Amino acid sequence: MIEATGLGLRTRRGWVYRDVDLTLPPGSVAAVAGPAGSGRTMLLLTLAGRARPTAGELRVGDATSRSALRREVTVARATGAVELDPDLTVGDHRREAGLLHRGADPGWAEELVGVDLDGTTVVGDLAQDDATLFALALAISARPAAVVLDDVDTRTTQEQQRRVWAALAAVADAGITVVSSTTDAGLADGVLVCDLGRDLSGAV
């Protein structure tokens, strides 16, 4: 379970996000929705233990410390912070996942999310939805408790977004809790939506 109460992050420039409450059971999907500057990416990084909140409480299972959170939650993509290397091949990334994550099984994960890629393909040449699903597969290849995926709707058609949301549902069905971000959760049928609402980047 992911449980956040009154979660917030403030810098010298103001609130990045604030007053976030989330309760997600194992094997569920949530969509963090909001415009650019509403703190979507930093909220995902906080949930994954990569950023430290300045307000509220966060728990993933029994994990509360950032180091423990990082063991429970993997990051498929956090735009500008964690992304696939466009110059590497699919095979390069698979091998890297095997080195980084003990017990990783990219083949199982890719089948689960519905992506079938040639190992010699350069990641930068992938269609956007294929790249998103490949990043997701790598992140879940060692079967973490939860995974976060940023910007589901970036540079994608509605058909591609529906494909990604269907894959996220399949990941949840496998018992992995999913938190994703989007500017518009209209295509995310049947998922919990955390609406960050207005742009808080300039708030004080």
N, C-alpha and C. Protein backbone atom coordinates (compact mmCIF):
# COMPACT_ATOMS: atom_id res chain seq x y z
N MET A 1 0.83 -1.20 0.00
CA MET A 1 0.00 0.00 0.00
C MET A 1 0.87 1.26 0.00
N ILE A 2 0.41 2.27 -0.74
CA ILE A 2 1.02 3.60 -0.66
C ILE A 2 0.06 4.51 0.10
N GLU A 3 0.56 5.15 1.13
CA GLU A 3 -0.28 6.04 1.92
C GLU A 3 0.46 7.35 2.16
N ALA A 4 -0.09 8.43 1.63
CA ALA A 4 0.47 9.77 1.83
C ALA A 4 -0.57 10.65 2.49
N THR A 5 -0.15 11.42 3.48
CA THR A 5 -1.06 12.30 4.20
C THR A 5 -0.45 13.70 4.30
N GLY A 6 -1.13 14.68 3.73
CA GLY A 6 -0.66 16.06 3.80
C GLY A 6 0.70 16.27 3.18
N LEU A 7 1.03 15.50 2.17
CA LEU A 7 2.38 15.55 1.59
C LEU A 7 2.59 16.86 0.85
N GLY A 8 3.75 17.47 1.06
CA GLY A 8 4.06 18.71 0.38
C GLY A 8 5.56 18.90 0.22
N LEU A 9 5.93 19.67 -0.77
CA LEU A 9 7.33 20.00 -1.02
C LEU A 9 7.43 21.48 -1.32
N ARG A 10 8.23 22.18 -0.50
CA ARG A 10 8.39 23.61 -0.68
C ARG A 10 9.87 23.94 -0.82
N THR A 11 10.18 24.84 -1.73
CA THR A 11 11.53 25.35 -1.91
C THR A 11 11.53 26.84 -1.62
N ARG A 12 12.68 27.48 -1.79
CA ARG A 12 12.76 28.92 -1.56
C ARG A 12 11.87 29.70 -2.53
N ARG A 13 11.51 29.07 -3.64
CA ARG A 13 10.67 29.74 -4.64
C ARG A 13 9.18 29.51 -4.38
N GLY A 14 8.85 28.69 -3.41
CA GLY A 14 7.44 28.44 -3.12
C GLY A 14 7.12 26.96 -3.12
N TRP A 15 5.84 26.65 -3.09
CA TRP A 15 5.38 25.26 -3.07
C TRP A 15 5.53 24.62 -4.45
N VAL A 16 6.10 23.43 -4.46
CA VAL A 16 6.13 22.62 -5.68
C VAL A 16 4.82 21.85 -5.79
N TYR A 17 4.41 21.23 -4.69
CA TYR A 17 3.08 20.65 -4.54
C TYR A 17 2.77 20.66 -3.05
N ARG A 18 1.51 20.52 -2.69
CA ARG A 18 1.17 20.53 -1.27
C ARG A 18 -0.18 19.87 -1.03
N ASP A 19 -0.39 19.47 0.23
CA ASP A 19 -1.67 18.92 0.69
C ASP A 19 -2.12 17.72 -0.14
N VAL A 20 -1.17 16.82 -0.43
CA VAL A 20 -1.51 15.62 -1.20
C VAL A 20 -1.84 14.48 -0.26
N ASP A 21 -3.02 13.92 -0.44
CA ASP A 21 -3.45 12.74 0.30
C ASP A 21 -3.71 11.62 -0.69
N LEU A 22 -3.08 10.47 -0.46
CA LEU A 22 -3.24 9.31 -1.34
C LEU A 22 -3.32 8.05 -0.49
N THR A 23 -4.25 7.17 -0.83
CA THR A 23 -4.27 5.84 -0.23
C THR A 23 -4.50 4.85 -1.35
N LEU A 24 -3.47 4.07 -1.67
CA LEU A 24 -3.52 3.13 -2.78
C LEU A 24 -3.28 1.72 -2.28
N PRO A 25 -4.23 0.82 -2.46
CA PRO A 25 -3.99 -0.58 -2.10
C PRO A 25 -3.04 -1.24 -3.08
N PRO A 26 -2.45 -2.37 -2.72
CA PRO A 26 -1.58 -3.08 -3.65
C PRO A 26 -2.32 -3.43 -4.95
N GLY A 27 -1.63 -3.30 -6.06
CA GLY A 27 -2.23 -3.66 -7.34
C GLY A 27 -3.27 -2.68 -7.83
N SER A 28 -3.08 -1.40 -7.54
CA SER A 28 -4.01 -0.37 -8.02
C SER A 28 -3.26 0.61 -8.92
N VAL A 29 -4.02 1.44 -9.62
CA VAL A 29 -3.44 2.44 -10.52
C VAL A 29 -3.96 3.82 -10.12
N ALA A 30 -3.05 4.79 -10.03
CA ALA A 30 -3.44 6.17 -9.77
C ALA A 30 -2.84 7.07 -10.84
N ALA A 31 -3.58 8.12 -11.16
CA ALA A 31 -3.11 9.12 -12.11
C ALA A 31 -2.97 10.45 -11.40
N VAL A 32 -1.76 11.02 -11.42
CA VAL A 32 -1.53 12.36 -10.89
C VAL A 32 -1.70 13.33 -12.05
N ALA A 33 -2.74 14.15 -11.98
CA ALA A 33 -3.07 15.04 -13.09
C ALA A 33 -2.82 16.49 -12.71
N GLY A 34 -2.38 17.27 -13.68
CA GLY A 34 -2.16 18.68 -13.43
C GLY A 34 -1.39 19.30 -14.58
N PRO A 35 -1.43 20.62 -14.68
CA PRO A 35 -0.70 21.31 -15.74
C PRO A 35 0.79 21.34 -15.47
N ALA A 36 1.54 21.79 -16.46
CA ALA A 36 2.98 21.98 -16.27
C ALA A 36 3.21 22.92 -15.11
N GLY A 37 4.15 22.58 -14.23
CA GLY A 37 4.44 23.41 -13.09
C GLY A 37 3.64 23.08 -11.85
N SER A 38 2.78 22.07 -11.93
CA SER A 38 1.94 21.73 -10.77
C SER A 38 2.62 20.73 -9.84
N GLY A 39 3.82 20.27 -10.19
CA GLY A 39 4.58 19.40 -9.28
C GLY A 39 4.42 17.92 -9.51
N ARG A 40 3.90 17.54 -10.67
CA ARG A 40 3.65 16.12 -10.93
C ARG A 40 4.92 15.28 -10.84
N THR A 41 5.97 15.72 -11.52
CA THR A 41 7.20 14.92 -11.55
C THR A 41 7.82 14.82 -10.16
N MET A 42 7.87 15.92 -9.43
CA MET A 42 8.47 15.90 -8.10
C MET A 42 7.65 15.07 -7.12
N LEU A 43 6.33 15.04 -7.30
CA LEU A 43 5.52 14.17 -6.45
C LEU A 43 5.85 12.71 -6.70
N LEU A 44 6.01 12.33 -7.97
CA LEU A 44 6.38 10.95 -8.28
C LEU A 44 7.74 10.61 -7.69
N LEU A 45 8.68 11.52 -7.81
CA LEU A 45 10.02 11.28 -7.25
C LEU A 45 9.97 11.18 -5.73
N THR A 46 9.07 11.92 -5.11
CA THR A 46 8.91 11.81 -3.66
C THR A 46 8.36 10.45 -3.28
N LEU A 47 7.35 10.00 -3.99
CA LEU A 47 6.75 8.70 -3.71
C LEU A 47 7.77 7.57 -3.86
N ALA A 48 8.74 7.78 -4.75
CA ALA A 48 9.76 6.77 -4.99
C ALA A 48 11.00 6.94 -4.11
N GLY A 49 10.97 7.90 -3.18
CA GLY A 49 12.09 8.09 -2.27
C GLY A 49 13.26 8.83 -2.87
N ARG A 50 13.06 9.45 -4.04
CA ARG A 50 14.16 10.18 -4.68
C ARG A 50 14.16 11.66 -4.31
N ALA A 51 13.08 12.16 -3.74
CA ALA A 51 13.00 13.55 -3.29
C ALA A 51 12.43 13.55 -1.88
N ARG A 52 12.88 14.52 -1.09
CA ARG A 52 12.47 14.58 0.31
C ARG A 52 11.33 15.60 0.49
N PRO A 53 10.19 15.18 0.99
CA PRO A 53 9.10 16.13 1.21
C PRO A 53 9.42 17.04 2.40
N THR A 54 8.80 18.21 2.42
CA THR A 54 8.98 19.13 3.54
C THR A 54 7.76 19.16 4.44
N ALA A 55 6.70 18.46 4.06
CA ALA A 55 5.49 18.40 4.88
C ALA A 55 4.81 17.06 4.67
N GLY A 56 4.11 16.59 5.70
CA GLY A 56 3.30 15.39 5.58
C GLY A 56 4.05 14.11 5.87
N GLU A 57 3.35 13.01 5.68
CA GLU A 57 3.89 11.68 5.94
C GLU A 57 3.67 10.78 4.73
N LEU A 58 4.60 9.84 4.53
CA LEU A 58 4.54 8.92 3.40
C LEU A 58 4.98 7.53 3.86
N ARG A 59 4.20 6.55 3.44
CA ARG A 59 4.52 5.16 3.74
C ARG A 59 4.21 4.29 2.53
N VAL A 60 5.13 3.40 2.19
CA VAL A 60 4.88 2.39 1.17
C VAL A 60 5.10 1.04 1.84
N GLY A 61 4.01 0.31 2.10
CA GLY A 61 4.12 -0.89 2.90
C GLY A 61 4.60 -0.51 4.28
N ASP A 62 5.73 -1.09 4.70
CA ASP A 62 6.33 -0.73 5.99
C ASP A 62 7.43 0.31 5.84
N ALA A 63 7.69 0.73 4.61
CA ALA A 63 8.82 1.64 4.36
C ALA A 63 8.40 3.10 4.58
N THR A 64 9.25 3.83 5.34
CA THR A 64 9.02 5.26 5.54
C THR A 64 10.26 6.09 5.24
N SER A 65 11.45 5.53 5.39
CA SER A 65 12.67 6.27 5.09
C SER A 65 12.88 6.30 3.58
N ARG A 66 13.64 7.29 3.12
CA ARG A 66 13.88 7.40 1.68
C ARG A 66 14.62 6.18 1.14
N SER A 67 15.58 5.65 1.88
CA SER A 67 16.31 4.48 1.42
C SER A 67 15.39 3.27 1.30
N ALA A 68 14.49 3.11 2.27
CA ALA A 68 13.55 1.99 2.22
C ALA A 68 12.55 2.18 1.09
N LEU A 69 12.11 3.41 0.87
CA LEU A 69 11.18 3.68 -0.23
C LEU A 69 11.80 3.33 -1.57
N ARG A 70 13.08 3.63 -1.75
CA ARG A 70 13.76 3.34 -3.01
C ARG A 70 13.83 1.84 -3.29
N ARG A 71 13.85 1.05 -2.22
CA ARG A 71 13.85 -0.41 -2.42
C ARG A 71 12.48 -0.93 -2.83
N GLU A 72 11.43 -0.19 -2.50
CA GLU A 72 10.07 -0.64 -2.77
C GLU A 72 9.51 -0.11 -4.10
N VAL A 73 9.96 1.08 -4.49
CA VAL A 73 9.35 1.77 -5.64
C VAL A 73 10.41 2.05 -6.70
N THR A 74 10.15 1.63 -7.92
CA THR A 74 11.07 1.92 -9.02
C THR A 74 10.51 3.06 -9.88
N VAL A 75 11.41 3.71 -10.60
CA VAL A 75 11.03 4.83 -11.46
C VAL A 75 11.18 4.39 -12.91
N ALA A 76 10.05 4.32 -13.62
CA ALA A 76 10.11 4.00 -15.04
C ALA A 76 10.57 5.22 -15.84
N ARG A 77 10.00 6.37 -15.49
CA ARG A 77 10.41 7.62 -16.13
C ARG A 77 10.01 8.78 -15.24
N ALA A 78 10.93 9.71 -15.06
CA ALA A 78 10.65 10.99 -14.43
C ALA A 78 11.30 12.03 -15.33
N THR A 79 10.49 12.72 -16.09
CA THR A 79 11.00 13.58 -17.15
C THR A 79 12.04 14.57 -16.62
N GLY A 80 13.20 14.57 -17.28
CA GLY A 80 14.29 15.44 -16.89
C GLY A 80 15.19 14.89 -15.81
N ALA A 81 14.80 13.73 -15.23
CA ALA A 81 15.59 13.14 -14.15
C ALA A 81 15.94 11.68 -14.41
N VAL A 82 14.97 10.89 -14.77
CA VAL A 82 15.19 9.46 -15.05
C VAL A 82 14.52 9.13 -16.38
N GLU A 83 15.35 8.88 -17.39
CA GLU A 83 14.82 8.58 -18.72
C GLU A 83 15.73 7.58 -19.42
N LEU A 84 15.18 6.89 -20.42
CA LEU A 84 15.99 6.01 -21.24
C LEU A 84 17.02 6.84 -22.00
N ASP A 85 18.18 6.21 -22.27
CA ASP A 85 19.21 6.87 -23.07
C ASP A 85 18.88 6.65 -24.54
N PRO A 86 18.56 7.71 -25.27
CA PRO A 86 18.13 7.54 -26.67
C PRO A 86 19.22 7.00 -27.58
N ASP A 87 20.48 7.06 -27.15
CA ASP A 87 21.58 6.60 -28.00
C ASP A 87 21.91 5.12 -27.80
N LEU A 88 21.34 4.51 -26.76
CA LEU A 88 21.58 3.09 -26.52
C LEU A 88 20.52 2.25 -27.22
N THR A 89 20.84 0.97 -27.43
CA THR A 89 19.89 0.07 -28.05
C THR A 89 18.97 -0.55 -26.98
N VAL A 90 17.92 -1.16 -27.46
CA VAL A 90 17.02 -1.90 -26.57
C VAL A 90 17.80 -2.97 -25.81
N GLY A 91 18.68 -3.67 -26.51
CA GLY A 91 19.49 -4.71 -25.87
C GLY A 91 20.41 -4.17 -24.80
N ASP A 92 20.99 -2.99 -25.05
CA ASP A 92 21.84 -2.36 -24.04
C ASP A 92 21.05 -2.12 -22.76
N HIS A 93 19.85 -1.59 -22.91
CA HIS A 93 19.02 -1.30 -21.73
C HIS A 93 18.61 -2.58 -21.01
N ARG A 94 18.34 -3.63 -21.74
CA ARG A 94 17.99 -4.90 -21.10
C ARG A 94 19.16 -5.42 -20.26
N ARG A 95 20.35 -5.35 -20.83
CA ARG A 95 21.53 -5.81 -20.08
C ARG A 95 21.77 -4.95 -18.85
N GLU A 96 21.57 -3.65 -18.99
CA GLU A 96 21.75 -2.75 -17.85
C GLU A 96 20.75 -3.07 -16.75
N ALA A 97 19.51 -3.36 -17.12
CA ALA A 97 18.50 -3.71 -16.12
C ALA A 97 18.89 -4.98 -15.37
N GLY A 98 19.49 -5.93 -16.09
CA GLY A 98 19.93 -7.15 -15.45
C GLY A 98 21.04 -6.91 -14.44
N LEU A 99 21.87 -5.90 -14.69
CA LEU A 99 22.95 -5.57 -13.77
C LEU A 99 22.45 -4.77 -12.57
N LEU A 100 21.46 -3.91 -12.80
CA LEU A 100 20.99 -3.02 -11.74
C LEU A 100 19.99 -3.69 -10.80
N HIS A 101 19.20 -4.59 -11.34
CA HIS A 101 18.11 -5.18 -10.55
C HIS A 101 18.29 -6.69 -10.44
N ARG A 102 18.59 -7.14 -9.25
CA ARG A 102 18.77 -8.57 -9.03
C ARG A 102 17.47 -9.31 -9.32
N GLY A 103 17.59 -10.37 -10.10
CA GLY A 103 16.42 -11.16 -10.45
C GLY A 103 15.55 -10.55 -11.53
N ALA A 104 16.06 -9.55 -12.24
CA ALA A 104 15.27 -8.90 -13.28
C ALA A 104 14.94 -9.87 -14.40
N ASP A 105 13.73 -9.76 -14.92
CA ASP A 105 13.27 -10.60 -16.03
C ASP A 105 12.58 -9.69 -17.06
N PRO A 106 13.37 -9.01 -17.89
CA PRO A 106 12.77 -8.09 -18.87
C PRO A 106 11.80 -8.79 -19.83
N GLY A 107 12.08 -10.04 -20.16
CA GLY A 107 11.19 -10.77 -21.06
C GLY A 107 9.79 -10.89 -20.51
N TRP A 108 9.68 -11.28 -19.24
CA TRP A 108 8.37 -11.37 -18.59
C TRP A 108 7.68 -10.02 -18.58
N ALA A 109 8.44 -8.99 -18.22
CA ALA A 109 7.86 -7.65 -18.09
C ALA A 109 7.40 -7.11 -19.44
N GLU A 110 8.18 -7.32 -20.49
CA GLU A 110 7.79 -6.82 -21.81
C GLU A 110 6.54 -7.53 -22.31
N GLU A 111 6.45 -8.81 -22.05
CA GLU A 111 5.24 -9.54 -22.45
C GLU A 111 4.03 -9.02 -21.68
N LEU A 112 4.21 -8.73 -20.40
CA LEU A 112 3.11 -8.23 -19.58
C LEU A 112 2.56 -6.91 -20.10
N VAL A 113 3.45 -5.99 -20.48
CA VAL A 113 2.99 -4.67 -20.92
C VAL A 113 2.66 -4.63 -22.41
N GLY A 114 2.96 -5.70 -23.12
CA GLY A 114 2.58 -5.78 -24.52
C GLY A 114 3.50 -5.08 -25.48
N VAL A 115 4.81 -5.24 -25.27
CA VAL A 115 5.77 -4.64 -26.19
C VAL A 115 6.76 -5.72 -26.63
N ASP A 116 7.07 -5.75 -27.93
CA ASP A 116 7.97 -6.75 -28.50
C ASP A 116 8.96 -6.03 -29.40
N LEU A 117 10.19 -5.87 -28.91
CA LEU A 117 11.16 -5.02 -29.59
C LEU A 117 12.41 -5.79 -29.98
N ASP A 118 12.98 -5.42 -31.11
CA ASP A 118 14.25 -5.96 -31.56
C ASP A 118 15.36 -5.36 -30.71
N GLY A 119 16.23 -6.20 -30.20
CA GLY A 119 17.30 -5.74 -29.32
C GLY A 119 18.27 -4.79 -29.97
N THR A 120 18.35 -4.80 -31.31
CA THR A 120 19.29 -3.92 -32.00
C THR A 120 18.72 -2.53 -32.28
N THR A 121 17.44 -2.33 -31.97
CA THR A 121 16.81 -1.03 -32.24
C THR A 121 17.35 0.03 -31.27
N VAL A 122 17.70 1.18 -31.82
CA VAL A 122 18.14 2.30 -30.99
C VAL A 122 16.91 2.92 -30.33
N VAL A 123 16.99 3.15 -29.05
CA VAL A 123 15.83 3.63 -28.29
C VAL A 123 15.27 4.92 -28.87
N GLY A 124 16.14 5.80 -29.33
CA GLY A 124 15.68 7.06 -29.90
C GLY A 124 14.84 6.90 -31.15
N ASP A 125 14.86 5.71 -31.76
CA ASP A 125 14.07 5.45 -32.96
C ASP A 125 12.72 4.83 -32.65
N LEU A 126 12.45 4.53 -31.38
CA LEU A 126 11.19 3.90 -31.02
C LEU A 126 10.03 4.89 -31.10
N ALA A 127 8.85 4.38 -31.43
CA ALA A 127 7.64 5.17 -31.30
C ALA A 127 7.45 5.54 -29.84
N GLN A 128 6.78 6.67 -29.58
CA GLN A 128 6.68 7.15 -28.21
C GLN A 128 6.01 6.15 -27.28
N ASP A 129 4.95 5.49 -27.74
CA ASP A 129 4.29 4.54 -26.86
C ASP A 129 5.15 3.31 -26.61
N ASP A 130 5.89 2.86 -27.63
CA ASP A 130 6.81 1.74 -27.43
C ASP A 130 7.90 2.10 -26.42
N ALA A 131 8.43 3.32 -26.54
CA ALA A 131 9.48 3.76 -25.61
C ALA A 131 8.93 3.82 -24.18
N THR A 132 7.72 4.32 -24.02
CA THR A 132 7.11 4.40 -22.69
C THR A 132 6.91 3.01 -22.10
N LEU A 133 6.38 2.10 -22.90
CA LEU A 133 6.14 0.76 -22.40
C LEU A 133 7.44 0.01 -22.14
N PHE A 134 8.46 0.28 -22.93
CA PHE A 134 9.76 -0.36 -22.69
C PHE A 134 10.35 0.13 -21.37
N ALA A 135 10.27 1.43 -21.12
CA ALA A 135 10.75 1.97 -19.85
C ALA A 135 9.98 1.37 -18.68
N LEU A 136 8.68 1.22 -18.85
CA LEU A 136 7.86 0.60 -17.82
C LEU A 136 8.28 -0.84 -17.57
N ALA A 137 8.50 -1.58 -18.65
CA ALA A 137 8.90 -2.98 -18.52
C ALA A 137 10.22 -3.12 -17.78
N LEU A 138 11.19 -2.30 -18.11
CA LEU A 138 12.48 -2.36 -17.42
C LEU A 138 12.31 -2.09 -15.93
N ALA A 139 11.45 -1.13 -15.61
CA ALA A 139 11.27 -0.74 -14.20
C ALA A 139 10.59 -1.82 -13.37
N ILE A 140 9.73 -2.62 -14.00
CA ILE A 140 9.03 -3.65 -13.24
C ILE A 140 9.67 -5.03 -13.40
N SER A 141 10.79 -5.09 -14.09
CA SER A 141 11.38 -6.40 -14.43
C SER A 141 11.80 -7.21 -13.21
N ALA A 142 12.05 -6.54 -12.08
CA ALA A 142 12.39 -7.25 -10.84
C ALA A 142 11.21 -7.31 -9.88
N ARG A 143 10.02 -7.01 -10.38
CA ARG A 143 8.76 -7.12 -9.63
C ARG A 143 8.78 -6.30 -8.33
N PRO A 144 8.90 -4.98 -8.44
CA PRO A 144 8.87 -4.13 -7.24
C PRO A 144 7.46 -4.06 -6.66
N ALA A 145 7.35 -3.47 -5.49
CA ALA A 145 6.03 -3.27 -4.91
C ALA A 145 5.24 -2.22 -5.68
N ALA A 146 5.94 -1.21 -6.19
CA ALA A 146 5.27 -0.11 -6.90
C ALA A 146 6.21 0.48 -7.94
N VAL A 147 5.60 1.19 -8.90
CA VAL A 147 6.37 1.84 -9.96
C VAL A 147 5.72 3.18 -10.26
N VAL A 148 6.54 4.18 -10.61
CA VAL A 148 6.01 5.48 -11.02
C VAL A 148 6.42 5.75 -12.47
N LEU A 149 5.51 6.37 -13.20
CA LEU A 149 5.72 6.66 -14.63
C LEU A 149 5.22 8.06 -14.92
N ASP A 150 6.11 8.92 -15.36
CA ASP A 150 5.79 10.32 -15.61
C ASP A 150 5.32 10.53 -17.05
N ASP A 151 4.44 11.52 -17.24
CA ASP A 151 4.07 12.04 -18.56
C ASP A 151 3.56 10.96 -19.52
N VAL A 152 2.48 10.31 -19.12
CA VAL A 152 1.87 9.29 -19.97
C VAL A 152 1.42 9.87 -21.31
N ASP A 153 1.00 11.13 -21.32
CA ASP A 153 0.40 11.70 -22.53
C ASP A 153 1.34 12.59 -23.34
N THR A 154 2.61 12.60 -23.02
CA THR A 154 3.54 13.45 -23.76
C THR A 154 3.80 12.91 -25.16
N ARG A 155 3.57 13.74 -26.16
CA ARG A 155 3.83 13.42 -27.57
C ARG A 155 3.17 12.12 -28.00
N THR A 156 1.97 11.86 -27.51
CA THR A 156 1.26 10.63 -27.87
C THR A 156 -0.13 10.95 -28.39
N THR A 157 -0.63 10.06 -29.25
CA THR A 157 -2.00 10.16 -29.72
C THR A 157 -2.92 9.55 -28.65
N GLN A 158 -4.21 9.77 -28.79
CA GLN A 158 -5.16 9.16 -27.85
C GLN A 158 -5.09 7.64 -27.91
N GLU A 159 -4.90 7.09 -29.09
CA GLU A 159 -4.79 5.64 -29.23
C GLU A 159 -3.56 5.12 -28.48
N GLN A 160 -2.45 5.83 -28.60
CA GLN A 160 -1.24 5.43 -27.88
C GLN A 160 -1.43 5.53 -26.37
N GLN A 161 -2.12 6.59 -25.93
CA GLN A 161 -2.38 6.73 -24.50
C GLN A 161 -3.24 5.59 -23.98
N ARG A 162 -4.26 5.21 -24.74
CA ARG A 162 -5.11 4.09 -24.31
C ARG A 162 -4.29 2.82 -24.19
N ARG A 163 -3.34 2.63 -25.09
CA ARG A 163 -2.47 1.45 -25.02
C ARG A 163 -1.64 1.47 -23.74
N VAL A 164 -1.10 2.64 -23.40
CA VAL A 164 -0.29 2.74 -22.19
C VAL A 164 -1.15 2.52 -20.94
N TRP A 165 -2.33 3.13 -20.88
CA TRP A 165 -3.19 2.92 -19.71
C TRP A 165 -3.59 1.46 -19.56
N ALA A 166 -3.82 0.78 -20.68
CA ALA A 166 -4.15 -0.65 -20.61
C ALA A 166 -2.97 -1.44 -20.06
N ALA A 167 -1.76 -1.06 -20.45
CA ALA A 167 -0.57 -1.73 -19.93
C ALA A 167 -0.41 -1.48 -18.43
N LEU A 168 -0.69 -0.27 -17.99
CA LEU A 168 -0.61 0.03 -16.57
C LEU A 168 -1.61 -0.80 -15.77
N ALA A 169 -2.79 -1.01 -16.34
CA ALA A 169 -3.78 -1.87 -15.68
C ALA A 169 -3.28 -3.31 -15.58
N ALA A 170 -2.59 -3.78 -16.62
CA ALA A 170 -2.03 -5.13 -16.60
C ALA A 170 -0.96 -5.26 -15.53
N VAL A 171 -0.14 -4.23 -15.38
CA VAL A 171 0.88 -4.23 -14.33
C VAL A 171 0.23 -4.29 -12.95
N ALA A 172 -0.82 -3.51 -12.77
CA ALA A 172 -1.53 -3.53 -11.49
C ALA A 172 -2.15 -4.90 -11.23
N ASP A 173 -2.68 -5.53 -12.27
CA ASP A 173 -3.26 -6.86 -12.12
C ASP A 173 -2.22 -7.88 -11.69
N ALA A 174 -0.95 -7.59 -12.00
CA ALA A 174 0.14 -8.47 -11.59
C ALA A 174 0.58 -8.20 -10.15
N GLY A 175 -0.09 -7.25 -9.49
CA GLY A 175 0.18 -6.98 -8.08
C GLY A 175 1.09 -5.81 -7.80
N ILE A 176 1.48 -5.07 -8.84
CA ILE A 176 2.38 -3.93 -8.68
C ILE A 176 1.56 -2.64 -8.71
N THR A 177 1.67 -1.85 -7.67
CA THR A 177 0.94 -0.58 -7.61
C THR A 177 1.59 0.42 -8.57
N VAL A 178 0.76 1.16 -9.29
CA VAL A 178 1.23 2.08 -10.32
C VAL A 178 0.77 3.49 -10.01
N VAL A 179 1.71 4.45 -10.06
CA VAL A 179 1.35 5.87 -9.99
C VAL A 179 1.94 6.53 -11.22
N SER A 180 1.08 7.13 -12.03
CA SER A 180 1.52 7.76 -13.26
C SER A 180 1.11 9.22 -13.25
N SER A 181 1.65 9.99 -14.18
CA SER A 181 1.25 11.39 -14.26
C SER A 181 0.81 11.74 -15.67
N THR A 182 -0.07 12.72 -15.76
CA THR A 182 -0.65 13.13 -17.03
C THR A 182 -1.19 14.55 -16.88
N THR A 183 -1.30 15.27 -17.98
CA THR A 183 -1.94 16.57 -17.92
C THR A 183 -3.45 16.44 -17.88
N ASP A 184 -3.97 15.34 -18.45
CA ASP A 184 -5.41 15.13 -18.52
C ASP A 184 -5.71 13.65 -18.31
N ALA A 185 -6.43 13.34 -17.25
CA ALA A 185 -6.72 11.95 -16.92
C ALA A 185 -8.00 11.44 -17.57
N GLY A 186 -8.48 12.14 -18.60
CA GLY A 186 -9.73 11.76 -19.23
C GLY A 186 -9.74 10.38 -19.84
N LEU A 187 -8.58 9.90 -20.28
CA LEU A 187 -8.50 8.56 -20.89
C LEU A 187 -8.15 7.48 -19.88
N ALA A 188 -7.94 7.88 -18.63
CA ALA A 188 -7.54 6.91 -17.59
C ALA A 188 -8.78 6.36 -16.90
N ASP A 189 -9.50 5.54 -17.60
CA ASP A 189 -10.75 5.00 -17.07
C ASP A 189 -10.51 4.09 -15.87
N GLY A 190 -11.31 4.29 -14.83
CA GLY A 190 -11.30 3.37 -13.70
C GLY A 190 -10.12 3.49 -12.77
N VAL A 191 -9.37 4.59 -12.82
CA VAL A 191 -8.23 4.74 -11.92
C VAL A 191 -8.48 5.90 -10.97
N LEU A 192 -7.82 5.87 -9.83
CA LEU A 192 -7.91 6.97 -8.88
C LEU A 192 -7.15 8.17 -9.44
N VAL A 193 -7.76 9.33 -9.42
CA VAL A 193 -7.12 10.54 -9.94
C VAL A 193 -6.78 11.48 -8.79
N CYS A 194 -5.51 11.84 -8.71
CA CYS A 194 -5.05 12.87 -7.76
C CYS A 194 -4.82 14.13 -8.58
N ASP A 195 -5.70 15.10 -8.44
CA ASP A 195 -5.66 16.32 -9.25
C ASP A 195 -4.87 17.39 -8.51
N LEU A 196 -3.69 17.71 -9.04
CA LEU A 196 -2.87 18.75 -8.42
C LEU A 196 -3.38 20.15 -8.74
N GLY A 197 -4.28 20.23 -9.72
CA GLY A 197 -4.97 21.48 -9.97
C GLY A 197 -4.09 22.59 -10.47
N ARG A 198 -4.19 23.72 -9.81
CA ARG A 198 -3.53 24.93 -10.31
C ARG A 198 -2.02 24.86 -10.20
N ASP A 199 -1.37 25.69 -10.96
CA ASP A 199 0.08 25.82 -10.95
C ASP A 199 0.52 26.49 -9.65
N LEU A 200 1.32 25.78 -8.84
CA LEU A 200 1.77 26.32 -7.57
C LEU A 200 3.22 26.80 -7.60
N SER A 201 3.83 26.79 -8.80
CA SER A 201 5.25 27.05 -8.86
C SER A 201 5.62 28.45 -8.36
N GLY A 202 4.69 29.38 -8.44
CA GLY A 202 4.99 30.72 -7.98
C GLY A 202 4.35 31.06 -6.64
N ALA A 203 3.69 30.08 -6.04
CA ALA A 203 3.00 30.37 -4.78
C ALA A 203 3.97 30.55 -3.64
N VAL A 204 3.61 31.39 -2.67
CA VAL A 204 4.47 31.60 -1.51
C VAL A 204 3.66 31.41 -0.24
